[in-house]
């Protein structure tokens, strides 16, 4: 079984020896301070430029997530945890809250995380969440500051029928 599937079933650790539920239990400050967990909670089909030990989803991994309700529930839990870090919450199919002003109003490393989260959710079968997060990010970031990032965020929410690489 590929490492990412073990990790997402809380049956195996990430490359640093941490388990999924352990990362979920970290404080918001710990999650903002650490930078190598995001690639594990939100894996994509692209190699990480920042974490050489991060998983890269294959078409088999993506199919497993899409077919397995437990894996998708765990991705949902990761997404809800991420929203909490940002000062947001999932409410009846949309994102609610004002969010952390620094995260959304000032260009920062979290803007790279936005692309990763949107792409991961799209790939793993949580299209509604990906679209809602994209909509929130576009509505809550300054268009002048985020003009270079917006195309990446939009591209990350690729259609489900577009085959991922790998």
N, C-alpha and C. Protein backbone atom coordinates (compact mmCIF):
# COMPACT_ATOMS: atom_id res chain seq x y z
N UNK A 1 0.85 -1.18 0.00
CA UNK A 1 0.00 0.00 0.00
C UNK A 1 0.89 1.24 0.00
N UNK A 2 0.63 2.21 -0.90
CA UNK A 2 1.45 3.42 -0.92
C UNK A 2 1.41 4.17 0.41
N UNK A 3 2.50 4.82 0.73
CA UNK A 3 2.68 5.51 1.99
C UNK A 3 1.58 6.53 2.29
N UNK A 4 1.11 7.28 1.29
CA UNK A 4 0.10 8.30 1.53
C UNK A 4 -1.22 7.66 1.96
N UNK A 5 -1.54 6.50 1.44
CA UNK A 5 -2.78 5.83 1.84
C UNK A 5 -2.67 5.34 3.28
N UNK A 6 -1.53 4.79 3.65
CA UNK A 6 -1.32 4.41 5.06
C UNK A 6 -1.46 5.61 5.97
N UNK A 7 -0.80 6.70 5.59
CA UNK A 7 -0.85 7.92 6.40
C UNK A 7 -2.29 8.39 6.56
N UNK A 8 -3.04 8.41 5.47
CA UNK A 8 -4.41 8.93 5.53
C UNK A 8 -5.40 7.99 6.21
N UNK A 9 -4.98 6.76 6.47
CA UNK A 9 -5.80 5.85 7.27
C UNK A 9 -5.28 5.79 8.70
N UNK A 10 -4.33 6.68 9.02
CA UNK A 10 -3.69 6.75 10.33
C UNK A 10 -3.02 5.41 10.68
N UNK A 11 -2.58 4.71 9.64
CA UNK A 11 -1.94 3.40 9.83
C UNK A 11 -0.43 3.47 9.62
N UNK A 12 0.05 4.62 9.22
CA UNK A 12 1.48 4.80 9.00
C UNK A 12 1.84 6.26 9.12
N UNK A 13 3.10 6.54 9.40
CA UNK A 13 3.52 7.93 9.60
C UNK A 13 3.90 8.63 8.30
N UNK A 14 4.05 9.95 8.40
CA UNK A 14 4.63 10.70 7.29
C UNK A 14 6.14 10.51 7.32
N UNK A 15 6.86 11.21 6.50
CA UNK A 15 8.31 11.04 6.41
C UNK A 15 9.05 11.49 7.67
N UNK A 16 8.37 12.22 8.55
CA UNK A 16 8.97 12.68 9.81
C UNK A 16 8.53 11.83 11.01
N UNK A 17 7.77 10.76 10.75
CA UNK A 17 7.32 9.87 11.82
C UNK A 17 6.05 10.32 12.51
N UNK A 18 5.33 11.28 11.94
CA UNK A 18 4.10 11.81 12.55
C UNK A 18 2.89 11.15 11.90
N UNK A 19 1.88 10.92 12.70
CA UNK A 19 0.63 10.33 12.23
C UNK A 19 -0.40 11.43 11.97
N UNK A 20 -1.35 11.12 11.11
CA UNK A 20 -2.39 12.06 10.71
C UNK A 20 -3.08 12.70 11.91
N UNK A 21 -3.58 11.87 12.83
CA UNK A 21 -4.32 12.40 13.97
C UNK A 21 -3.44 13.24 14.89
N UNK A 22 -2.15 12.94 14.90
CA UNK A 22 -1.21 13.74 15.69
C UNK A 22 -1.12 15.16 15.11
N UNK A 23 -1.05 15.26 13.80
CA UNK A 23 -0.96 16.58 13.17
C UNK A 23 -2.27 17.34 13.36
N UNK A 24 -3.40 16.66 13.23
CA UNK A 24 -4.68 17.32 13.48
C UNK A 24 -4.74 17.93 14.88
N UNK A 25 -4.07 17.31 15.84
CA UNK A 25 -4.13 17.76 17.23
C UNK A 25 -3.18 18.92 17.54
N UNK A 26 -2.31 19.27 16.61
CA UNK A 26 -1.42 20.39 16.86
C UNK A 26 -2.22 21.68 17.04
N UNK A 27 -1.62 22.62 17.75
CA UNK A 27 -2.25 23.94 17.91
C UNK A 27 -2.17 24.69 16.58
N UNK A 28 -2.99 25.71 16.45
CA UNK A 28 -2.95 26.54 15.25
C UNK A 28 -1.56 27.15 15.07
N UNK A 29 -0.95 27.58 16.17
CA UNK A 29 0.39 28.17 16.11
C UNK A 29 1.42 27.16 15.61
N UNK A 30 1.31 25.92 16.06
CA UNK A 30 2.24 24.88 15.60
C UNK A 30 2.07 24.65 14.09
N UNK A 31 0.82 24.62 13.64
CA UNK A 31 0.57 24.40 12.22
C UNK A 31 1.07 25.57 11.37
N UNK A 32 0.98 26.78 11.88
CA UNK A 32 1.49 27.93 11.12
C UNK A 32 3.02 27.97 11.14
N UNK A 33 3.63 27.48 12.21
CA UNK A 33 5.09 27.53 12.34
C UNK A 33 5.79 26.44 11.54
N UNK A 34 5.18 25.26 11.46
CA UNK A 34 5.77 24.14 10.71
C UNK A 34 5.39 24.28 9.23
N UNK A 35 6.26 23.83 8.36
CA UNK A 35 5.99 23.99 6.94
C UNK A 35 5.99 22.70 6.14
N UNK A 36 6.26 21.56 6.78
CA UNK A 36 6.36 20.32 6.01
C UNK A 36 5.16 19.39 6.17
N UNK A 37 4.14 19.81 6.87
CA UNK A 37 2.95 18.98 7.06
C UNK A 37 1.93 19.18 5.94
N UNK A 38 1.89 20.37 5.36
CA UNK A 38 0.84 20.70 4.39
C UNK A 38 0.86 19.76 3.20
N UNK A 39 2.07 19.32 2.80
CA UNK A 39 2.17 18.42 1.65
C UNK A 39 1.62 17.03 1.97
N UNK A 40 1.56 16.68 3.24
CA UNK A 40 1.01 15.38 3.64
C UNK A 40 -0.50 15.45 3.82
N UNK A 41 -1.00 16.54 4.42
CA UNK A 41 -2.44 16.66 4.58
C UNK A 41 -3.14 16.97 3.27
N UNK A 42 -2.42 17.61 2.35
CA UNK A 42 -2.98 17.97 1.06
C UNK A 42 -2.02 17.58 -0.06
N UNK A 43 -1.90 16.27 -0.30
CA UNK A 43 -1.00 15.80 -1.35
C UNK A 43 -1.54 16.17 -2.73
N UNK A 44 -0.63 16.35 -3.68
CA UNK A 44 -1.03 16.60 -5.07
C UNK A 44 -0.23 15.69 -5.99
N UNK A 45 -0.45 15.87 -7.26
CA UNK A 45 0.24 15.08 -8.28
C UNK A 45 1.53 15.75 -8.75
N UNK A 46 1.98 16.75 -8.04
CA UNK A 46 3.22 17.45 -8.38
C UNK A 46 4.22 17.33 -7.24
N UNK A 47 5.49 17.23 -7.58
CA UNK A 47 6.52 17.22 -6.56
C UNK A 47 6.55 18.57 -5.86
N UNK A 48 6.80 18.54 -4.57
CA UNK A 48 6.92 19.77 -3.79
C UNK A 48 8.30 20.38 -4.01
N UNK A 49 8.33 21.68 -4.24
CA UNK A 49 9.60 22.38 -4.37
C UNK A 49 10.25 22.60 -3.00
N UNK A 50 9.46 22.46 -1.94
CA UNK A 50 9.92 22.79 -0.59
C UNK A 50 10.15 21.58 0.30
N UNK A 51 9.54 20.46 -0.03
CA UNK A 51 9.63 19.28 0.82
C UNK A 51 9.93 18.06 -0.06
N UNK A 52 11.20 17.68 -0.18
CA UNK A 52 11.56 16.56 -1.06
C UNK A 52 10.99 15.22 -0.59
N UNK A 53 10.55 15.14 0.66
CA UNK A 53 9.99 13.90 1.20
C UNK A 53 8.47 13.83 1.07
N UNK A 54 7.88 14.84 0.45
CA UNK A 54 6.42 14.88 0.33
C UNK A 54 5.93 13.84 -0.66
N UNK A 55 4.75 13.27 -0.41
CA UNK A 55 4.20 12.30 -1.35
C UNK A 55 3.76 12.98 -2.65
N UNK A 56 3.81 12.24 -3.73
CA UNK A 56 3.30 12.68 -5.02
C UNK A 56 2.22 11.68 -5.41
N UNK A 57 1.01 12.17 -5.58
CA UNK A 57 -0.11 11.28 -5.90
C UNK A 57 0.02 10.67 -7.28
N UNK A 58 -0.27 9.39 -7.35
CA UNK A 58 -0.37 8.70 -8.63
C UNK A 58 -1.85 8.59 -8.99
N UNK A 59 -2.13 8.17 -10.21
CA UNK A 59 -3.53 7.98 -10.59
C UNK A 59 -4.19 6.91 -9.72
N UNK A 60 -3.43 5.92 -9.29
CA UNK A 60 -3.98 4.89 -8.38
C UNK A 60 -4.33 5.47 -7.02
N UNK A 61 -3.45 6.33 -6.49
CA UNK A 61 -3.74 6.98 -5.21
C UNK A 61 -5.02 7.81 -5.31
N UNK A 62 -5.11 8.59 -6.39
CA UNK A 62 -6.28 9.45 -6.58
C UNK A 62 -7.55 8.60 -6.67
N UNK A 63 -7.48 7.52 -7.42
CA UNK A 63 -8.64 6.62 -7.54
C UNK A 63 -9.01 6.03 -6.19
N UNK A 64 -8.02 5.68 -5.38
CA UNK A 64 -8.29 5.11 -4.06
C UNK A 64 -9.00 6.12 -3.17
N UNK A 65 -8.55 7.37 -3.17
CA UNK A 65 -9.21 8.40 -2.37
C UNK A 65 -10.64 8.62 -2.85
N UNK A 66 -10.82 8.69 -4.15
CA UNK A 66 -12.16 8.94 -4.68
C UNK A 66 -13.12 7.79 -4.40
N UNK A 67 -12.59 6.58 -4.31
CA UNK A 67 -13.43 5.40 -4.10
C UNK A 67 -13.68 5.07 -2.63
N UNK A 68 -12.87 5.61 -1.74
CA UNK A 68 -12.93 5.20 -0.33
C UNK A 68 -13.50 6.31 0.54
N UNK A 69 -14.72 6.14 1.07
CA UNK A 69 -15.34 7.17 1.89
C UNK A 69 -14.52 7.53 3.15
N UNK A 70 -13.83 6.55 3.74
CA UNK A 70 -13.01 6.83 4.93
C UNK A 70 -11.88 7.80 4.58
N UNK A 71 -11.22 7.57 3.47
CA UNK A 71 -10.14 8.46 3.05
C UNK A 71 -10.67 9.86 2.79
N UNK A 72 -11.80 9.97 2.11
CA UNK A 72 -12.38 11.29 1.83
C UNK A 72 -12.82 11.99 3.11
N UNK A 73 -13.37 11.24 4.07
CA UNK A 73 -13.74 11.85 5.37
C UNK A 73 -12.51 12.41 6.07
N UNK A 74 -11.40 11.68 5.98
CA UNK A 74 -10.18 12.16 6.60
C UNK A 74 -9.64 13.40 5.89
N UNK A 75 -9.78 13.46 4.58
CA UNK A 75 -9.39 14.67 3.86
C UNK A 75 -10.30 15.83 4.29
N UNK A 76 -11.58 15.56 4.44
CA UNK A 76 -12.51 16.59 4.94
C UNK A 76 -12.08 17.09 6.31
N UNK A 77 -11.70 16.17 7.19
CA UNK A 77 -11.24 16.57 8.52
C UNK A 77 -9.99 17.43 8.41
N UNK A 78 -9.07 17.08 7.53
CA UNK A 78 -7.87 17.90 7.31
C UNK A 78 -8.27 19.29 6.82
N UNK A 79 -9.23 19.33 5.91
CA UNK A 79 -9.68 20.62 5.38
C UNK A 79 -10.32 21.46 6.48
N UNK A 80 -11.16 20.87 7.28
CA UNK A 80 -11.79 21.62 8.37
C UNK A 80 -10.75 22.12 9.37
N UNK A 81 -9.72 21.31 9.60
CA UNK A 81 -8.63 21.73 10.50
C UNK A 81 -7.88 22.90 9.90
N UNK A 82 -7.62 22.86 8.59
CA UNK A 82 -6.95 23.95 7.88
C UNK A 82 -7.79 25.22 7.96
N UNK A 83 -9.09 25.09 7.75
CA UNK A 83 -9.96 26.26 7.85
C UNK A 83 -9.89 26.88 9.24
N UNK A 84 -9.87 26.06 10.26
CA UNK A 84 -9.78 26.57 11.65
C UNK A 84 -8.50 27.38 11.84
N UNK A 85 -7.39 26.89 11.29
CA UNK A 85 -6.13 27.62 11.38
C UNK A 85 -6.28 29.01 10.76
N UNK A 86 -7.05 29.08 9.69
CA UNK A 86 -7.25 30.35 8.98
C UNK A 86 -8.32 31.23 9.60
N UNK A 87 -8.98 30.73 10.66
CA UNK A 87 -10.05 31.50 11.28
C UNK A 87 -11.37 31.37 10.55
N UNK A 88 -11.56 30.23 9.87
CA UNK A 88 -12.76 29.98 9.07
C UNK A 88 -13.42 28.68 9.50
N UNK A 89 -14.59 28.40 8.91
CA UNK A 89 -15.27 27.12 9.16
C UNK A 89 -16.14 26.78 7.95
N UNK A 90 -16.39 25.49 7.81
CA UNK A 90 -17.26 24.96 6.75
C UNK A 90 -18.67 24.98 7.30
N UNK A 91 -19.56 25.65 6.59
CA UNK A 91 -20.93 25.82 7.07
C UNK A 91 -21.91 25.59 5.92
N UNK A 92 -22.57 24.45 5.92
CA UNK A 92 -23.62 24.15 4.94
C UNK A 92 -23.17 24.39 3.49
N UNK A 93 -22.03 23.82 3.14
CA UNK A 93 -21.57 23.89 1.76
C UNK A 93 -20.83 25.16 1.38
N UNK A 94 -20.50 25.97 2.37
CA UNK A 94 -19.73 27.18 2.06
C UNK A 94 -18.78 27.48 3.21
N UNK A 95 -17.86 28.38 2.95
CA UNK A 95 -16.89 28.77 3.96
C UNK A 95 -17.39 30.03 4.63
N UNK A 96 -17.36 30.03 5.96
CA UNK A 96 -17.89 31.12 6.74
C UNK A 96 -16.79 31.67 7.64
N UNK A 97 -16.87 32.93 7.93
CA UNK A 97 -15.91 33.60 8.81
C UNK A 97 -15.17 34.67 8.05
N UNK A 98 -14.43 35.46 8.76
CA UNK A 98 -13.69 36.56 8.13
C UNK A 98 -12.26 36.18 7.83
N UNK A 99 -11.74 35.20 8.54
CA UNK A 99 -10.38 34.76 8.30
C UNK A 99 -9.35 35.67 8.95
N UNK A 100 -8.16 35.18 9.02
CA UNK A 100 -7.02 35.91 9.57
C UNK A 100 -6.61 36.99 8.57
N UNK A 101 -6.66 38.25 8.98
CA UNK A 101 -6.35 39.36 8.09
C UNK A 101 -4.97 39.22 7.46
N UNK A 102 -3.97 38.84 8.24
CA UNK A 102 -2.61 38.67 7.71
C UNK A 102 -2.60 37.65 6.57
N UNK A 103 -3.25 36.54 6.77
CA UNK A 103 -3.22 35.46 5.79
C UNK A 103 -3.83 35.89 4.46
N UNK A 104 -4.92 36.64 4.50
CA UNK A 104 -5.63 36.98 3.28
C UNK A 104 -5.31 38.35 2.70
N UNK A 105 -4.86 39.28 3.52
CA UNK A 105 -4.66 40.66 3.05
C UNK A 105 -3.20 41.00 2.77
N UNK A 106 -2.29 40.13 3.14
CA UNK A 106 -0.87 40.37 2.93
C UNK A 106 -0.30 39.16 2.19
N UNK A 107 0.42 39.41 1.11
CA UNK A 107 1.01 38.29 0.38
C UNK A 107 2.00 37.58 1.29
N UNK A 108 1.84 36.25 1.43
CA UNK A 108 2.67 35.47 2.36
C UNK A 108 2.72 34.02 1.90
N UNK A 109 3.47 33.20 2.62
CA UNK A 109 3.67 31.80 2.23
C UNK A 109 2.37 31.00 2.17
N UNK A 110 1.34 31.44 2.86
CA UNK A 110 0.07 30.72 2.84
C UNK A 110 -0.58 30.78 1.46
N UNK A 111 -0.23 31.77 0.67
CA UNK A 111 -0.82 31.87 -0.67
C UNK A 111 -0.37 30.70 -1.53
N UNK A 112 0.82 30.17 -1.29
CA UNK A 112 1.25 28.95 -1.98
C UNK A 112 0.45 27.76 -1.47
N UNK A 113 0.17 27.77 -0.18
CA UNK A 113 -0.63 26.69 0.41
C UNK A 113 -2.03 26.66 -0.19
N UNK A 114 -2.58 27.84 -0.50
CA UNK A 114 -3.93 27.89 -1.09
C UNK A 114 -3.98 27.04 -2.36
N UNK A 115 -2.99 27.21 -3.23
CA UNK A 115 -2.97 26.42 -4.48
C UNK A 115 -2.93 24.94 -4.19
N UNK A 116 -2.09 24.54 -3.26
CA UNK A 116 -1.94 23.13 -2.90
C UNK A 116 -3.26 22.57 -2.37
N UNK A 117 -3.89 23.29 -1.46
CA UNK A 117 -5.14 22.81 -0.86
C UNK A 117 -6.22 22.67 -1.93
N UNK A 118 -6.37 23.67 -2.78
CA UNK A 118 -7.39 23.63 -3.83
C UNK A 118 -7.15 22.45 -4.77
N UNK A 119 -5.91 22.27 -5.19
CA UNK A 119 -5.59 21.17 -6.12
C UNK A 119 -5.83 19.81 -5.45
N UNK A 120 -5.37 19.66 -4.23
CA UNK A 120 -5.53 18.40 -3.52
C UNK A 120 -7.01 18.04 -3.37
N UNK A 121 -7.80 18.98 -2.91
CA UNK A 121 -9.24 18.72 -2.74
C UNK A 121 -9.87 18.34 -4.08
N UNK A 122 -9.49 19.04 -5.15
CA UNK A 122 -10.04 18.74 -6.47
C UNK A 122 -9.67 17.33 -6.92
N UNK A 123 -8.41 16.97 -6.74
CA UNK A 123 -7.95 15.64 -7.15
C UNK A 123 -8.59 14.52 -6.35
N UNK A 124 -8.77 14.75 -5.05
CA UNK A 124 -9.18 13.68 -4.14
C UNK A 124 -10.69 13.52 -4.01
N UNK A 125 -11.45 14.26 -4.81
CA UNK A 125 -12.89 14.06 -4.85
C UNK A 125 -13.70 14.99 -3.98
N UNK A 126 -13.11 16.07 -3.50
CA UNK A 126 -13.83 17.06 -2.68
C UNK A 126 -13.98 18.35 -3.49
N UNK A 127 -14.62 18.21 -4.62
CA UNK A 127 -14.76 19.33 -5.56
C UNK A 127 -15.53 20.50 -4.96
N UNK A 128 -16.59 20.23 -4.24
CA UNK A 128 -17.39 21.30 -3.64
C UNK A 128 -16.54 22.14 -2.69
N UNK A 129 -15.73 21.47 -1.89
CA UNK A 129 -14.87 22.17 -0.94
C UNK A 129 -13.80 22.98 -1.68
N UNK A 130 -13.23 22.39 -2.74
CA UNK A 130 -12.21 23.10 -3.53
C UNK A 130 -12.78 24.37 -4.14
N UNK A 131 -13.96 24.27 -4.72
CA UNK A 131 -14.59 25.43 -5.34
C UNK A 131 -14.95 26.50 -4.29
N UNK A 132 -15.45 26.05 -3.15
CA UNK A 132 -15.80 27.00 -2.08
C UNK A 132 -14.56 27.72 -1.56
N UNK A 133 -13.47 26.98 -1.39
CA UNK A 133 -12.25 27.61 -0.89
C UNK A 133 -11.70 28.58 -1.93
N UNK A 134 -11.70 28.18 -3.20
CA UNK A 134 -11.25 29.08 -4.26
C UNK A 134 -12.09 30.36 -4.26
N UNK A 135 -13.39 30.22 -4.19
CA UNK A 135 -14.28 31.38 -4.18
C UNK A 135 -13.96 32.30 -3.01
N UNK A 136 -13.75 31.71 -1.83
CA UNK A 136 -13.44 32.51 -0.65
C UNK A 136 -12.10 33.24 -0.83
N UNK A 137 -11.10 32.53 -1.29
CA UNK A 137 -9.77 33.12 -1.47
C UNK A 137 -9.83 34.27 -2.47
N UNK A 138 -10.51 34.07 -3.59
CA UNK A 138 -10.60 35.12 -4.60
C UNK A 138 -11.34 36.35 -4.06
N UNK A 139 -12.36 36.11 -3.25
CA UNK A 139 -13.15 37.22 -2.72
C UNK A 139 -12.46 37.95 -1.57
N UNK A 140 -11.48 37.31 -0.95
CA UNK A 140 -10.89 37.89 0.27
C UNK A 140 -9.42 38.24 0.17
N UNK A 141 -8.87 38.18 -1.02
CA UNK A 141 -7.51 38.65 -1.23
C UNK A 141 -7.56 39.86 -2.14
N UNK A 142 -6.68 40.78 -1.91
CA UNK A 142 -6.62 42.01 -2.70
C UNK A 142 -6.25 41.66 -4.15
N UNK A 143 -7.12 42.00 -5.11
CA UNK A 143 -6.83 41.65 -6.50
C UNK A 143 -5.50 42.22 -7.01
N UNK A 144 -5.12 43.39 -6.55
CA UNK A 144 -3.85 43.97 -7.00
C UNK A 144 -2.67 43.18 -6.45
N UNK A 145 -2.74 42.80 -5.17
CA UNK A 145 -1.65 42.04 -4.55
C UNK A 145 -1.60 40.61 -5.07
N UNK A 146 -2.76 40.05 -5.37
CA UNK A 146 -2.82 38.63 -5.72
C UNK A 146 -2.90 38.38 -7.22
N UNK A 147 -2.67 39.40 -8.03
CA UNK A 147 -2.83 39.23 -9.49
C UNK A 147 -1.96 38.12 -10.06
N UNK A 148 -0.78 37.92 -9.50
CA UNK A 148 0.10 36.84 -9.99
C UNK A 148 -0.32 35.47 -9.47
N UNK A 149 -0.97 35.44 -8.31
CA UNK A 149 -1.38 34.17 -7.69
C UNK A 149 -2.71 33.65 -8.21
N UNK A 150 -3.59 34.53 -8.58
CA UNK A 150 -4.95 34.14 -8.99
C UNK A 150 -4.98 33.10 -10.10
N UNK A 151 -4.16 33.22 -11.14
CA UNK A 151 -4.18 32.17 -12.18
C UNK A 151 -3.80 30.79 -11.63
N UNK A 152 -2.88 30.74 -10.68
CA UNK A 152 -2.48 29.46 -10.08
C UNK A 152 -3.63 28.88 -9.25
N UNK A 153 -4.29 29.73 -8.49
CA UNK A 153 -5.42 29.26 -7.68
C UNK A 153 -6.52 28.70 -8.58
N UNK A 154 -6.82 29.42 -9.65
CA UNK A 154 -7.88 28.98 -10.57
C UNK A 154 -7.48 27.69 -11.28
N UNK A 155 -6.24 27.60 -11.70
CA UNK A 155 -5.76 26.38 -12.38
C UNK A 155 -5.77 25.18 -11.45
N UNK A 156 -5.57 25.42 -10.16
CA UNK A 156 -5.56 24.32 -9.18
C UNK A 156 -6.91 23.65 -9.08
N UNK A 157 -7.96 24.38 -9.38
CA UNK A 157 -9.33 23.84 -9.31
C UNK A 157 -9.73 23.26 -10.66
N UNK A 158 -8.82 22.50 -11.26
CA UNK A 158 -9.09 21.92 -12.58
C UNK A 158 -10.31 21.01 -12.55
N UNK A 159 -10.96 20.87 -13.70
CA UNK A 159 -12.15 20.02 -13.76
C UNK A 159 -11.84 18.56 -13.41
N UNK A 160 -12.81 17.88 -12.83
CA UNK A 160 -12.61 16.48 -12.46
C UNK A 160 -12.32 15.58 -13.65
N UNK A 161 -12.85 15.93 -14.82
CA UNK A 161 -12.65 15.06 -15.97
C UNK A 161 -11.27 15.29 -16.62
N UNK A 162 -10.52 16.26 -16.14
CA UNK A 162 -9.17 16.46 -16.65
C UNK A 162 -8.26 15.47 -15.94
N UNK A 163 -7.59 14.61 -16.68
CA UNK A 163 -6.78 13.60 -16.01
C UNK A 163 -5.56 14.23 -15.33
N UNK A 164 -5.29 13.84 -14.08
CA UNK A 164 -4.10 14.34 -13.41
C UNK A 164 -2.85 13.67 -14.00
N UNK A 165 -1.72 14.30 -13.80
CA UNK A 165 -0.47 13.69 -14.25
C UNK A 165 -0.08 12.56 -13.30
N UNK A 166 0.83 11.71 -13.73
CA UNK A 166 1.32 10.63 -12.84
C UNK A 166 0.65 9.39 -13.08
